[in-house]
């Protein structure tokens, strides 16, 4: 398995992405659960080209600070880059920025572990 490449994805905050919509608050701004999902999507994108056939990755640890609010219509750029690898374990440094102004919206680390997808599902 080769090392993950950095990945960057861009999303636009919609009504379905707000704290009100996802149940994490009462304001019409980007909800932390949606932001976290976008950050995890960046880690998945970083790993995508490196996974052996039949493998996937699962999130095992998240440490993220949501530092600033984003209104509906804002474009948010999320990035993930490899910070540490040990066999199947991959730790990523993640961040989110306002795509227009570059303001840091979130920063932290997400850890993922590579698993055999079929074997993982049979254990449930």
PDB file of N, CA and C in Angstrom:
ATOM      1  N   UNK A   1       0.842  -1.171   0.000  1.00  0.00           N
ATOM      2  CA  UNK A   1       0.000   0.000   0.000  1.00  0.00           C
ATOM      3  C   UNK A   1       0.889   1.236   0.000  1.00  0.00           C
ATOM      4  N   UNK A   2       0.609   2.187  -0.880  1.00  0.00           N
ATOM      5  CA  UNK A   2       1.393   3.415  -0.959  1.00  0.00           C
ATOM      6  C   UNK A   2       0.849   4.451   0.022  1.00  0.00           C
ATOM      7  N   UNK A   3       1.656   5.468   0.260  1.00  0.00           N
ATOM      8  CA  UNK A   3       1.238   6.532   1.179  1.00  0.00           C
ATOM      9  C   UNK A   3       0.131   7.375   0.561  1.00  0.00           C
ATOM     10  N   UNK A   4      -0.798   7.854   1.398  1.00  0.00           N
ATOM     11  CA  UNK A   4      -1.882   8.700   0.893  1.00  0.00           C
ATOM     12  C   UNK A   4      -1.361  10.040   0.409  1.00  0.00           C
ATOM     13  N   UNK A   5      -2.006  10.548  -0.627  1.00  0.00           N
ATOM     14  CA  UNK A   5      -1.711  11.889  -1.136  1.00  0.00           C
ATOM     15  C   UNK A   5      -2.634  12.876  -0.425  1.00  0.00           C
ATOM     16  N   UNK A   6      -2.202  14.119  -0.248  1.00  0.00           N
ATOM     17  CA  UNK A   6      -3.114  15.117   0.317  1.00  0.00           C
ATOM     18  C   UNK A   6      -4.370  15.233  -0.548  1.00  0.00           C
ATOM     19  N   UNK A   7      -5.490  15.532   0.072  1.00  0.00           N
ATOM     20  CA  UNK A   7      -6.751  15.682  -0.658  1.00  0.00           C
ATOM     21  C   UNK A   7      -7.457  16.948  -0.212  1.00  0.00           C
ATOM     22  N   UNK A   8      -8.070  17.638  -1.160  1.00  0.00           N
ATOM     23  CA  UNK A   8      -8.852  18.834  -0.880  1.00  0.00           C
ATOM     24  C   UNK A   8     -10.177  18.728  -1.609  1.00  0.00           C
ATOM     25  N   UNK A   9     -11.256  18.988  -0.896  1.00  0.00           N
ATOM     26  CA  UNK A   9     -12.602  18.973  -1.451  1.00  0.00           C
ATOM     27  C   UNK A   9     -13.269  20.304  -1.124  1.00  0.00           C
ATOM     28  N   UNK A  10     -14.191  20.737  -1.986  1.00  0.00           N
ATOM     29  CA  UNK A  10     -14.913  21.984  -1.751  1.00  0.00           C
ATOM     30  C   UNK A  10     -16.406  21.707  -1.713  1.00  0.00           C
ATOM     31  N   UNK A  11     -17.078  22.272  -0.718  1.00  0.00           N
ATOM     32  CA  UNK A  11     -18.518  22.122  -0.540  1.00  0.00           C
ATOM     33  C   UNK A  11     -19.141  23.508  -0.375  1.00  0.00           C
ATOM     34  N   UNK A  12     -20.408  23.617  -0.735  1.00  0.00           N
ATOM     35  CA  UNK A  12     -21.175  24.834  -0.499  1.00  0.00           C
ATOM     36  C   UNK A  12     -22.201  24.547   0.584  1.00  0.00           C
ATOM     37  N   UNK A  13     -22.224  25.377   1.606  1.00  0.00           N
ATOM     38  CA  UNK A  13     -23.155  25.192   2.717  1.00  0.00           C
ATOM     39  C   UNK A  13     -24.584  25.410   2.213  1.00  0.00           C
ATOM     40  N   UNK A  14     -25.410  24.380   2.383  1.00  0.00           N
ATOM     41  CA  UNK A  14     -26.814  24.468   2.010  1.00  0.00           C
ATOM     42  C   UNK A  14     -27.692  24.405   3.246  1.00  0.00           C
ATOM     43  N   UNK A  15     -28.980  24.587   3.054  1.00  0.00           N
ATOM     44  CA  UNK A  15     -29.928  24.537   4.168  1.00  0.00           C
ATOM     45  C   UNK A  15     -29.842  23.207   4.923  1.00  0.00           C
ATOM     46  N   UNK A  16     -29.594  22.099   4.207  1.00  0.00           N
ATOM     47  CA  UNK A  16     -29.505  20.777   4.832  1.00  0.00           C
ATOM     48  C   UNK A  16     -28.228  20.577   5.642  1.00  0.00           C
ATOM     49  N   UNK A  17     -27.285  21.493   5.528  1.00  0.00           N
ATOM     50  CA  UNK A  17     -26.000  21.391   6.220  1.00  0.00           C
ATOM     51  C   UNK A  17     -25.960  22.190   7.523  1.00  0.00           C
ATOM     52  N   UNK A  18     -27.020  22.913   7.822  1.00  0.00           N
ATOM     53  CA  UNK A  18     -27.001  23.809   8.977  1.00  0.00           C
ATOM     54  C   UNK A  18     -27.171  23.055  10.291  1.00  0.00           C
ATOM     55  N   UNK A  19     -26.763  23.726  11.366  1.00  0.00           N
ATOM     56  CA  UNK A  19     -26.915  23.154  12.708  1.00  0.00           C
ATOM     57  C   UNK A  19     -28.380  22.839  12.989  1.00  0.00           C
ATOM     58  N   UNK A  20     -29.278  23.701  12.522  1.00  0.00           N
ATOM     59  CA  UNK A  20     -30.713  23.459  12.700  1.00  0.00           C
ATOM     60  C   UNK A  20     -31.109  22.154  12.015  1.00  0.00           C
ATOM     61  N   UNK A  21     -30.672  21.965  10.783  1.00  0.00           N
ATOM     62  CA  UNK A  21     -31.068  20.789   9.992  1.00  0.00           C
ATOM     63  C   UNK A  21     -30.495  19.490  10.536  1.00  0.00           C
ATOM     64  N   UNK A  22     -29.269  19.522  11.046  1.00  0.00           N
ATOM     65  CA  UNK A  22     -28.637  18.280  11.510  1.00  0.00           C
ATOM     66  C   UNK A  22     -28.832  18.048  13.006  1.00  0.00           C
ATOM     67  N   UNK A  23     -29.540  18.952  13.660  1.00  0.00           N
ATOM     68  CA  UNK A  23     -29.876  18.757  15.065  1.00  0.00           C
ATOM     69  C   UNK A  23     -28.774  19.058  16.051  1.00  0.00           C
ATOM     70  N   UNK A  24     -27.821  19.899  15.651  1.00  0.00           N
ATOM     71  CA  UNK A  24     -26.708  20.181  16.560  1.00  0.00           C
ATOM     72  C   UNK A  24     -26.733  21.611  17.092  1.00  0.00           C
ATOM     73  N   UNK A  25     -27.828  22.307  16.868  1.00  0.00           N
ATOM     74  CA  UNK A  25     -27.927  23.683  17.345  1.00  0.00           C
ATOM     75  C   UNK A  25     -29.165  24.350  16.780  1.00  0.00           C
ATOM     76  N   UNK A  26     -29.288  25.640  17.058  1.00  0.00           N
ATOM     77  CA  UNK A  26     -30.493  26.358  16.655  1.00  0.00           C
ATOM     78  C   UNK A  26     -30.229  27.463  15.643  1.00  0.00           C
ATOM     79  N   UNK A  27     -29.013  27.543  15.134  1.00  0.00           N
ATOM     80  CA  UNK A  27     -28.670  28.607  14.190  1.00  0.00           C
ATOM     81  C   UNK A  27     -28.522  28.077  12.765  1.00  0.00           C
ATOM     82  N   UNK A  28     -28.845  28.920  11.785  1.00  0.00           N
ATOM     83  CA  UNK A  28     -28.730  28.504  10.383  1.00  0.00           C
ATOM     84  C   UNK A  28     -27.310  28.693   9.844  1.00  0.00           C
ATOM     85  N   UNK A  29     -26.333  28.041  10.479  1.00  0.00           N
ATOM     86  CA  UNK A  29     -24.924  28.060  10.053  1.00  0.00           C
ATOM     87  C   UNK A  29     -24.454  26.611   9.915  1.00  0.00           C
ATOM     88  N   UNK A  30     -23.327  26.414   9.264  1.00  0.00           N
ATOM     89  CA  UNK A  30     -22.790  25.068   9.068  1.00  0.00           C
ATOM     90  C   UNK A  30     -22.714  24.321  10.396  1.00  0.00           C
ATOM     91  N   UNK A  31     -23.386  23.167  10.459  1.00  0.00           N
ATOM     92  CA  UNK A  31     -23.376  22.346  11.664  1.00  0.00           C
ATOM     93  C   UNK A  31     -22.085  21.563  11.782  1.00  0.00           C
ATOM     94  N   UNK A  32     -21.610  21.432  12.990  1.00  0.00           N
ATOM     95  CA  UNK A  32     -20.373  20.696  13.237  1.00  0.00           C
ATOM     96  C   UNK A  32     -20.438  19.250  12.728  1.00  0.00           C
ATOM     97  N   UNK A  33     -21.570  18.522  12.897  1.00  0.00           N
ATOM     98  CA  UNK A  33     -21.604  17.156  12.357  1.00  0.00           C
ATOM     99  C   UNK A  33     -21.398  17.107  10.835  1.00  0.00           C
ATOM    100  N   UNK A  34     -21.958  18.077  10.109  1.00  0.00           N
ATOM    101  CA  UNK A  34     -21.762  18.107   8.655  1.00  0.00           C
ATOM    102  C   UNK A  34     -20.322  18.453   8.321  1.00  0.00           C
ATOM    103  N   UNK A  35     -19.743  19.411   9.027  1.00  0.00           N
ATOM    104  CA  UNK A  35     -18.340  19.764   8.812  1.00  0.00           C
ATOM    105  C   UNK A  35     -17.455  18.552   9.050  1.00  0.00           C
ATOM    106  N   UNK A  36     -17.731  17.818  10.105  1.00  0.00           N
ATOM    107  CA  UNK A  36     -16.956  16.614  10.399  1.00  0.00           C
ATOM    108  C   UNK A  36     -17.079  15.596   9.268  1.00  0.00           C
ATOM    109  N   UNK A  37     -18.285  15.426   8.742  1.00  0.00           N
ATOM    110  CA  UNK A  37     -18.479  14.498   7.618  1.00  0.00           C
ATOM    111  C   UNK A  37     -17.658  14.940   6.409  1.00  0.00           C
ATOM    112  N   UNK A  38     -17.610  16.231   6.155  1.00  0.00           N
ATOM    113  CA  UNK A  38     -16.811  16.734   5.031  1.00  0.00           C
ATOM    114  C   UNK A  38     -15.319  16.490   5.266  1.00  0.00           C
ATOM    115  N   UNK A  39     -14.862  16.701   6.499  1.00  0.00           N
ATOM    116  CA  UNK A  39     -13.450  16.437   6.813  1.00  0.00           C
ATOM    117  C   UNK A  39     -13.135  14.953   6.652  1.00  0.00           C
ATOM    118  N   UNK A  40     -14.051  14.083   7.098  1.00  0.00           N
ATOM    119  CA  UNK A  40     -13.839  12.648   6.916  1.00  0.00           C
ATOM    120  C   UNK A  40     -13.827  12.280   5.438  1.00  0.00           C
ATOM    121  N   UNK A  41     -14.662  12.938   4.641  1.00  0.00           N
ATOM    122  CA  UNK A  41     -14.665  12.687   3.200  1.00  0.00           C
ATOM    123  C   UNK A  41     -13.302  13.003   2.592  1.00  0.00           C
ATOM    124  N   UNK A  42     -12.646  14.042   3.097  1.00  0.00           N
ATOM    125  CA  UNK A  42     -11.299  14.379   2.606  1.00  0.00           C
ATOM    126  C   UNK A  42     -10.297  13.290   2.975  1.00  0.00           C
ATOM    127  N   UNK A  43     -10.419  12.712   4.187  1.00  0.00           N
ATOM    128  CA  UNK A  43      -9.502  11.633   4.558  1.00  0.00           C
ATOM    129  C   UNK A  43      -9.747  10.400   3.687  1.00  0.00           C
ATOM    130  N   UNK A  44     -11.007  10.127   3.377  1.00  0.00           N
ATOM    131  CA  UNK A  44     -11.329   8.997   2.490  1.00  0.00           C
ATOM    132  C   UNK A  44     -10.755   9.233   1.093  1.00  0.00           C
ATOM    133  N   UNK A  45     -10.871  10.473   0.618  1.00  0.00           N
ATOM    134  CA  UNK A  45     -10.325  10.802  -0.702  1.00  0.00           C
ATOM    135  C   UNK A  45      -8.809  10.644  -0.720  1.00  0.00           C
ATOM    136  N   UNK A  46      -8.157  11.012   0.375  1.00  0.00           N
ATOM    137  CA  UNK A  46      -6.698  10.870   0.454  1.00  0.00           C
ATOM    138  C   UNK A  46      -6.282   9.406   0.389  1.00  0.00           C
ATOM    139  N   UNK A  47      -7.072   8.535   0.992  1.00  0.00           N
ATOM    140  CA  UNK A  47      -6.744   7.105   1.008  1.00  0.00           C
ATOM    141  C   UNK A  47      -7.197   6.361  -0.243  1.00  0.00           C
ATOM    142  N   UNK A  48      -8.127   6.910  -0.978  1.00  0.00           N
ATOM    143  CA  UNK A  48      -8.804   6.201  -2.070  1.00  0.00           C
ATOM    144  C   UNK A  48      -7.860   5.486  -3.035  1.00  0.00           C
ATOM    145  N   UNK A  49      -6.824   6.120  -3.465  1.00  0.00           N
ATOM    146  CA  UNK A  49      -5.926   5.523  -4.442  1.00  0.00           C
ATOM    147  C   UNK A  49      -4.923   4.542  -3.870  1.00  0.00           C
ATOM    148  N   UNK A  50      -4.947   4.351  -2.562  1.00  0.00           N
ATOM    149  CA  UNK A  50      -3.936   3.509  -1.918  1.00  0.00           C
ATOM    150  C   UNK A  50      -4.484   2.196  -1.382  1.00  0.00           C
ATOM    151  N   UNK A  51      -5.809   2.063  -1.339  1.00  0.00           N
ATOM    152  CA  UNK A  51      -6.413   0.890  -0.704  1.00  0.00           C
ATOM    153  C   UNK A  51      -6.314  -0.356  -1.576  1.00  0.00           C
ATOM    154  N   UNK A  52      -5.942  -1.489  -0.980  1.00  0.00           N
ATOM    155  CA  UNK A  52      -5.957  -2.748  -1.727  1.00  0.00           C
ATOM    156  C   UNK A  52      -7.397  -3.111  -2.120  1.00  0.00           C
ATOM    157  N   UNK A  53      -7.540  -3.897  -3.165  1.00  0.00           N
ATOM    158  CA  UNK A  53      -8.855  -4.349  -3.611  1.00  0.00           C
ATOM    159  C   UNK A  53      -9.562  -5.048  -2.456  1.00  0.00           C
ATOM    160  N   UNK A  54     -10.833  -4.703  -2.248  1.00  0.00           N
ATOM    161  CA  UNK A  54     -11.622  -5.308  -1.183  1.00  0.00           C
ATOM    162  C   UNK A  54     -11.486  -4.623   0.160  1.00  0.00           C
ATOM    163  N   UNK A  55     -10.637  -3.609   0.224  1.00  0.00           N
ATOM    164  CA  UNK A  55     -10.423  -2.895   1.483  1.00  0.00           C
ATOM    165  C   UNK A  55     -11.156  -1.567   1.488  1.00  0.00           C
ATOM    166  N   UNK A  56     -11.402  -1.072   2.674  1.00  0.00           N
ATOM    167  CA  UNK A  56     -11.947   0.265   2.890  1.00  0.00           C
ATOM    168  C   UNK A  56     -11.306   0.792   4.162  1.00  0.00           C
ATOM    169  N   UNK A  57     -11.692   1.965   4.581  1.00  0.00           N
ATOM    170  CA  UNK A  57     -11.170   2.487   5.848  1.00  0.00           C
ATOM    171  C   UNK A  57     -12.338   2.914   6.724  1.00  0.00           C
ATOM    172  N   UNK A  58     -12.112   2.822   8.026  1.00  0.00           N
ATOM    173  CA  UNK A  58     -13.122   3.234   8.996  1.00  0.00           C
ATOM    174  C   UNK A  58     -12.501   4.267   9.934  1.00  0.00           C
ATOM    175  N   UNK A  59     -13.310   5.239  10.299  1.00  0.00           N
ATOM    176  CA  UNK A  59     -12.846   6.250  11.229  1.00  0.00           C
ATOM    177  C   UNK A  59     -12.810   5.689  12.639  1.00  0.00           C
ATOM    178  N   UNK A  60     -11.741   5.981  13.378  1.00  0.00           N
ATOM    179  CA  UNK A  60     -11.614   5.469  14.743  1.00  0.00           C
ATOM    180  C   UNK A  60     -11.388   6.559  15.785  1.00  0.00           C
ATOM    181  N   UNK A  61     -10.948   7.733  15.354  1.00  0.00           N
ATOM    182  CA  UNK A  61     -10.689   8.802  16.318  1.00  0.00           C
ATOM    183  C   UNK A  61     -10.802  10.141  15.607  1.00  0.00           C
ATOM    184  N   UNK A  62     -11.448  11.086  16.284  1.00  0.00           N
ATOM    185  CA  UNK A  62     -11.609  12.435  15.737  1.00  0.00           C
ATOM    186  C   UNK A  62     -11.272  13.444  16.822  1.00  0.00           C
ATOM    187  N   UNK A  63     -10.457  14.417  16.466  1.00  0.00           N
ATOM    188  CA  UNK A  63     -10.164  15.536  17.357  1.00  0.00           C
ATOM    189  C   UNK A  63     -10.152  16.783  16.484  1.00  0.00           C
ATOM    190  N   UNK A  64     -11.266  17.519  16.510  1.00  0.00           N
ATOM    191  CA  UNK A  64     -11.430  18.674  15.634  1.00  0.00           C
ATOM    192  C   UNK A  64     -11.986  19.843  16.424  1.00  0.00           C
ATOM    193  N   UNK A  65     -11.426  21.020  16.187  1.00  0.00           N
ATOM    194  CA  UNK A  65     -11.974  22.253  16.738  1.00  0.00           C
ATOM    195  C   UNK A  65     -12.696  22.996  15.627  1.00  0.00           C
ATOM    196  N   UNK A  66     -13.976  23.298  15.851  1.00  0.00           N
ATOM    197  CA  UNK A  66     -14.772  24.101  14.915  1.00  0.00           C
ATOM    198  C   UNK A  66     -14.616  25.543  15.382  1.00  0.00           C
ATOM    199  N   UNK A  67     -13.828  26.327  14.650  1.00  0.00           N
ATOM    200  CA  UNK A  67     -13.359  27.624  15.116  1.00  0.00           C
ATOM    201  C   UNK A  67     -14.195  28.819  14.680  1.00  0.00           C
ATOM    202  N   UNK A  68     -14.929  28.699  13.569  1.00  0.00           N
ATOM    203  CA  UNK A  68     -15.685  29.841  13.054  1.00  0.00           C
ATOM    204  C   UNK A  68     -16.923  29.357  12.310  1.00  0.00           C
ATOM    205  N   UNK A  69     -17.944  30.185  12.318  1.00  0.00           N
ATOM    206  CA  UNK A  69     -19.219  29.854  11.671  1.00  0.00           C
ATOM    207  C   UNK A  69     -19.174  30.142  10.174  1.00  0.00           C
ATOM    208  N   UNK A  70     -20.020  29.401   9.432  1.00  0.00           N
ATOM    209  CA  UNK A  70     -20.150  29.591   7.984  1.00  0.00           C
ATOM    210  C   UNK A  70     -21.625  29.671   7.647  1.00  0.00           C
ATOM    211  N   UNK A  71     -22.050  30.744   6.970  1.00  0.00           N
ATOM    212  CA  UNK A  71     -23.464  30.891   6.630  1.00  0.00           C
ATOM    213  C   UNK A  71     -23.850  30.038   5.424  1.00  0.00           C
ATOM    214  N   UNK A  72     -25.146  29.876   5.231  1.00  0.00           N
ATOM    215  CA  UNK A  72     -25.646  29.209   4.028  1.00  0.00           C
ATOM    216  C   UNK A  72     -25.115  29.970   2.813  1.00  0.00           C
ATOM    217  N   UNK A  73     -24.652  29.224   1.819  1.00  0.00           N
ATOM    218  CA  UNK A  73     -24.082  29.813   0.610  1.00  0.00           C
ATOM    219  C   UNK A  73     -22.574  29.906   0.621  1.00  0.00           C
ATOM    220  N   UNK A  74     -21.961  29.797   1.795  1.00  0.00           N
ATOM    221  CA  UNK A  74     -20.493  29.866   1.876  1.00  0.00           C
ATOM    222  C   UNK A  74     -19.883  28.625   1.239  1.00  0.00           C
ATOM    223  N   UNK A  75     -18.753  28.824   0.589  1.00  0.00           N
ATOM    224  CA  UNK A  75     -17.989  27.692   0.044  1.00  0.00           C
ATOM    225  C   UNK A  75     -16.894  27.351   1.039  1.00  0.00           C
ATOM    226  N   UNK A  76     -16.823  26.062   1.382  1.00  0.00           N
ATOM    227  CA  UNK A  76     -15.878  25.586   2.390  1.00  0.00           C
ATOM    228  C   UNK A  76     -14.931  24.580   1.743  1.00  0.00           C
ATOM    229  N   UNK A  77     -13.645  24.827   1.907  1.00  0.00           N
ATOM    230  CA  UNK A  77     -12.607  23.942   1.375  1.00  0.00           C
ATOM    231  C   UNK A  77     -12.054  23.119   2.531  1.00  0.00           C
ATOM    232  N   UNK A  78     -12.161  21.797   2.415  1.00  0.00           N
ATOM    233  CA  UNK A  78     -11.648  20.905   3.458  1.00  0.00           C
ATOM    234  C   UNK A  78     -10.443  20.145   2.909  1.00  0.00           C
ATOM    235  N   UNK A  79      -9.450  19.956   3.760  1.00  0.00           N
ATOM    236  CA  UNK A  79      -8.209  19.296   3.339  1.00  0.00           C
ATOM    237  C   UNK A  79      -7.781  18.252   4.351  1.00  0.00           C
ATOM    238  N   UNK A  80      -7.126  17.208   3.853  1.00  0.00           N
ATOM    239  CA  UNK A  80      -6.549  16.170   4.696  1.00  0.00           C
ATOM    240  C   UNK A  80      -5.171  15.816   4.162  1.00  0.00           C
ATOM    241  N   UNK A  81      -4.204  15.743   5.061  1.00  0.00           N
ATOM    242  CA  UNK A  81      -2.869  15.295   4.657  1.00  0.00           C
ATOM    243  C   UNK A  81      -2.349  14.318   5.699  1.00  0.00           C
ATOM    244  N   UNK A  82      -1.606  13.346   5.223  1.00  0.00           N
ATOM    245  CA  UNK A  82      -1.092  12.286   6.088  1.00  0.00           C
ATOM    246  C   UNK A  82      -0.114  12.852   7.101  1.00  0.00           C
ATOM    247  N   UNK A  83      -0.355  12.532   8.385  1.00  0.00           N
ATOM    248  CA  UNK A  83       0.533  12.978   9.448  1.00  0.00           C
ATOM    249  C   UNK A  83       1.326  11.819  10.037  1.00  0.00           C
ATOM    250  N   UNK A  84       0.744  10.597   9.939  1.00  0.00           N
ATOM    251  CA  UNK A  84       1.380   9.432  10.550  1.00  0.00           C
ATOM    252  C   UNK A  84       0.778   8.172   9.944  1.00  0.00           C
ATOM    253  N   UNK A  85       1.621   7.179   9.708  1.00  0.00           N
ATOM    254  CA  UNK A  85       1.169   5.878   9.208  1.00  0.00           C
ATOM    255  C   UNK A  85       1.866   4.785   9.996  1.00  0.00           C
ATOM    256  N   UNK A  86       1.116   3.737  10.317  1.00  0.00           N
ATOM    257  CA  UNK A  86       1.685   2.559  10.955  1.00  0.00           C
ATOM    258  C   UNK A  86       0.846   1.369  10.504  1.00  0.00           C
ATOM    259  N   UNK A  87       1.288   0.706   9.457  1.00  0.00           N
ATOM    260  CA  UNK A  87       0.532  -0.421   8.922  1.00  0.00           C
ATOM    261  C   UNK A  87      -0.823   0.025   8.427  1.00  0.00           C
ATOM    262  N   UNK A  88      -1.869  -0.478   9.066  1.00  0.00           N
ATOM    263  CA  UNK A  88      -3.235  -0.153   8.640  1.00  0.00           C
ATOM    264  C   UNK A  88      -3.741   1.165   9.214  1.00  0.00           C
ATOM    265  N   UNK A  89      -3.046   1.718  10.189  1.00  0.00           N
ATOM    266  CA  UNK A  89      -3.471   2.947  10.850  1.00  0.00           C
ATOM    267  C   UNK A  89      -2.953   4.174  10.103  1.00  0.00           C
ATOM    268  N   UNK A  90      -3.854   5.122   9.870  1.00  0.00           N
ATOM    269  CA  UNK A  90      -3.497   6.370   9.184  1.00  0.00           C
ATOM    270  C   UNK A  90      -4.061   7.547   9.962  1.00  0.00           C
ATOM    271  N   UNK A  91      -3.186   8.464  10.369  1.00  0.00           N
ATOM    272  CA  UNK A  91      -3.622   9.674  11.057  1.00  0.00           C
ATOM    273  C   UNK A  91      -3.447  10.844  10.091  1.00  0.00           C
ATOM    274  N   UNK A  92      -4.491  11.661   9.998  1.00  0.00           N
ATOM    275  CA  UNK A  92      -4.494  12.799   9.082  1.00  0.00           C
ATOM    276  C   UNK A  92      -4.621  14.112   9.842  1.00  0.00           C
ATOM    277  N   UNK A  93      -3.904  15.112   9.380  1.00  0.00           N
ATOM    278  CA  UNK A  93      -4.136  16.479   9.799  1.00  0.00           C
ATOM    279  C   UNK A  93      -5.218  17.012   8.873  1.00  0.00           C
ATOM    280  N   UNK A  94      -6.278  17.567   9.459  1.00  0.00           N
ATOM    281  CA  UNK A  94      -7.398  18.071   8.663  1.00  0.00           C
ATOM    282  C   UNK A  94      -7.627  19.545   8.960  1.00  0.00           C
ATOM    283  N   UNK A  95      -8.179  20.239   7.962  1.00  0.00           N
ATOM    284  CA  UNK A  95      -8.537  21.640   8.165  1.00  0.00           C
ATOM    285  C   UNK A  95      -9.671  22.014   7.230  1.00  0.00           C
ATOM    286  N   UNK A  96     -10.360  23.078   7.609  1.00  0.00           N
ATOM    287  CA  UNK A  96     -11.409  23.648   6.765  1.00  0.00           C
ATOM    288  C   UNK A  96     -11.165  25.146   6.697  1.00  0.00           C
ATOM    289  N   UNK A  97     -11.349  25.688   5.509  1.00  0.00           N
ATOM    290  CA  UNK A  97     -11.159  27.124   5.296  1.00  0.00           C
ATOM    291  C   UNK A  97     -12.319  27.667   4.488  1.00  0.00           C
ATOM    292  N   UNK A  98     -12.612  28.941   4.705  1.00  0.00           N
ATOM    293  CA  UNK A  98     -13.564  29.626   3.846  1.00  0.00           C
ATOM    294  C   UNK A  98     -12.894  29.786   2.480  1.00  0.00           C
ATOM    295  N   UNK A  99     -13.518  29.270   1.439  1.00  0.00           N
ATOM    296  CA  UNK A  99     -12.892  29.279   0.115  1.00  0.00           C
ATOM    297  C   UNK A  99     -12.701  30.689  -0.429  1.00  0.00           C
ATOM    298  N   UNK A 100     -13.556  31.618  -0.038  1.00  0.00           N
ATOM    299  CA  UNK A 100     -13.453  32.986  -0.563  1.00  0.00           C
ATOM    300  C   UNK A 100     -12.361  33.788   0.138  1.00  0.00           C
ATOM    301  N   UNK A 101     -12.326  33.735   1.464  1.00  0.00           N
ATOM    302  CA  UNK A 101     -11.393  34.582   2.195  1.00  0.00           C
ATOM    303  C   UNK A 101     -10.219  33.876   2.817  1.00  0.00           C
ATOM    304  N   UNK A 102     -10.257  32.540   2.871  1.00  0.00           N
ATOM    305  CA  UNK A 102      -9.149  31.785   3.430  1.00  0.00           C
ATOM    306  C   UNK A 102      -9.165  31.645   4.940  1.00  0.00           C
ATOM    307  N   UNK A 103     -10.190  32.186   5.606  1.00  0.00           N
ATOM    308  CA  UNK A 103     -10.276  32.098   7.064  1.00  0.00           C
ATOM    309  C   UNK A 103     -10.353  30.643   7.495  1.00  0.00           C
ATOM    310  N   UNK A 104      -9.570  30.284   8.515  1.00  0.00           N
ATOM    311  CA  UNK A 104      -9.593  28.919   9.046  1.00  0.00           C
ATOM    312  C   UNK A 104     -10.885  28.730   9.823  1.00  0.00           C
ATOM    313  N   UNK A 105     -11.638  27.695   9.447  1.00  0.00           N
ATOM    314  CA  UNK A 105     -12.915  27.384  10.077  1.00  0.00           C
ATOM    315  C   UNK A 105     -12.805  26.239  11.066  1.00  0.00           C
ATOM    316  N   UNK A 106     -11.869  25.316  10.807  1.00  0.00           N
ATOM    317  CA  UNK A 106     -11.693  24.150  11.669  1.00  0.00           C
ATOM    318  C   UNK A 106     -10.296  23.577  11.459  1.00  0.00           C
ATOM    319  N   UNK A 107      -9.815  22.878  12.491  1.00  0.00           N
ATOM    320  CA  UNK A 107      -8.511  22.222  12.398  1.00  0.00           C
ATOM    321  C   UNK A 107      -8.477  21.064  13.377  1.00  0.00           C
ATOM    322  N   UNK A 108      -7.717  20.024  13.022  1.00  0.00           N
ATOM    323  CA  UNK A 108      -7.583  18.898  13.929  1.00  0.00           C
ATOM    324  C   UNK A 108      -6.961  17.684  13.286  1.00  0.00           C
ATOM    325  N   UNK A 109      -7.293  16.515  13.859  1.00  0.00           N
ATOM    326  CA  UNK A 109      -6.772  15.231  13.375  1.00  0.00           C
ATOM    327  C   UNK A 109      -7.899  14.208  13.305  1.00  0.00           C
ATOM    328  N   UNK A 110      -7.813  13.366  12.302  1.00  0.00           N
ATOM    329  CA  UNK A 110      -8.727  12.238  12.156  1.00  0.00           C
ATOM    330  C   UNK A 110      -7.890  10.993  11.889  1.00  0.00           C
ATOM    331  N   UNK A 111      -8.206   9.917  12.620  1.00  0.00           N
ATOM    332  CA  UNK A 111      -7.507   8.643  12.443  1.00  0.00           C
ATOM    333  C   UNK A 111      -8.448   7.655  11.775  1.00  0.00           C
ATOM    334  N   UNK A 112      -7.926   6.920  10.796  1.00  0.00           N
ATOM    335  CA  UNK A 112      -8.674   5.891  10.097  1.00  0.00           C
ATOM    336  C   UNK A 112      -7.849   4.609  10.091  1.00  0.00           C
ATOM    337  N   UNK A 113      -8.526   3.463  10.056  1.00  0.00           N
ATOM    338  CA  UNK A 113      -7.868   2.167   9.987  1.00  0.00           C
ATOM    339  C   UNK A 113      -8.373   1.446   8.746  1.00  0.00           C
ATOM    340  N   UNK A 114      -7.454   0.879   7.987  1.00  0.00           N
ATOM    341  CA  UNK A 114      -7.806   0.127   6.782  1.00  0.00           C
ATOM    342  C   UNK A 114      -8.261  -1.273   7.198  1.00  0.00           C
ATOM    343  N   UNK A 115      -9.408  -1.699   6.648  1.00  0.00           N
ATOM    344  CA  UNK A 115      -9.975  -3.006   6.977  1.00  0.00           C
ATOM    345  C   UNK A 115     -10.409  -3.714   5.701  1.00  0.00           C
ATOM    346  N   UNK A 116     -10.512  -5.034   5.784  1.00  0.00           N
ATOM    347  CA  UNK A 116     -11.125  -5.821   4.718  1.00  0.00           C
ATOM    348  C   UNK A 116     -12.630  -5.609   4.849  1.00  0.00           C
ATOM    349  N   UNK A 117     -13.269  -5.061   3.834  1.00  0.00           N
ATOM    350  CA  UNK A 117     -14.676  -4.674   3.913  1.00  0.00           C
ATOM    351  C   UNK A 117     -15.594  -5.855   4.213  1.00  0.00           C
ATOM    352  N   UNK A 118     -15.392  -6.964   3.524  1.00  0.00           N
ATOM    353  CA  UNK A 118     -16.261  -8.128   3.720  1.00  0.00           C
ATOM    354  C   UNK A 118     -16.109  -8.690   5.132  1.00  0.00           C
ATOM    355  N   UNK A 119     -14.870  -8.851   5.572  1.00  0.00           N
ATOM    356  CA  UNK A 119     -14.624  -9.380   6.914  1.00  0.00           C
ATOM    357  C   UNK A 119     -15.199  -8.455   7.982  1.00  0.00           C
ATOM    358  N   UNK A 120     -15.054  -7.164   7.780  1.00  0.00           N
ATOM    359  CA  UNK A 120     -15.586  -6.184   8.727  1.00  0.00           C
ATOM    360  C   UNK A 120     -17.102  -6.332   8.872  1.00  0.00           C
ATOM    361  N   UNK A 121     -17.790  -6.468   7.742  1.00  0.00           N
ATOM    362  CA  UNK A 121     -19.262  -6.561   7.778  1.00  0.00           C
ATOM    363  C   UNK A 121     -19.738  -7.877   8.369  1.00  0.00           C
ATOM    364  N   UNK A 122     -18.973  -8.952   8.214  1.00  0.00           N
ATOM    365  CA  UNK A 122     -19.408 -10.236   8.782  1.00  0.00           C
ATOM    366  C   UNK A 122     -19.289 -10.262  10.301  1.00  0.00           C
ATOM    367  N   UNK A 123     -18.516  -9.358  10.865  1.00  0.00           N
ATOM    368  CA  UNK A 123     -18.341  -9.295  12.317  1.00  0.00           C
ATOM    369  C   UNK A 123     -19.477  -8.555  13.025  1.00  0.00           C
ATOM    370  N   UNK A 124     -20.338  -7.934  12.295  1.00  0.00           N
ATOM    371  CA  UNK A 124     -21.415  -7.151  12.921  1.00  0.00           C
ATOM    372  C   UNK A 124     -22.499  -8.031  13.474  1.00  0.00           C
TER     373      UNK A 124
END
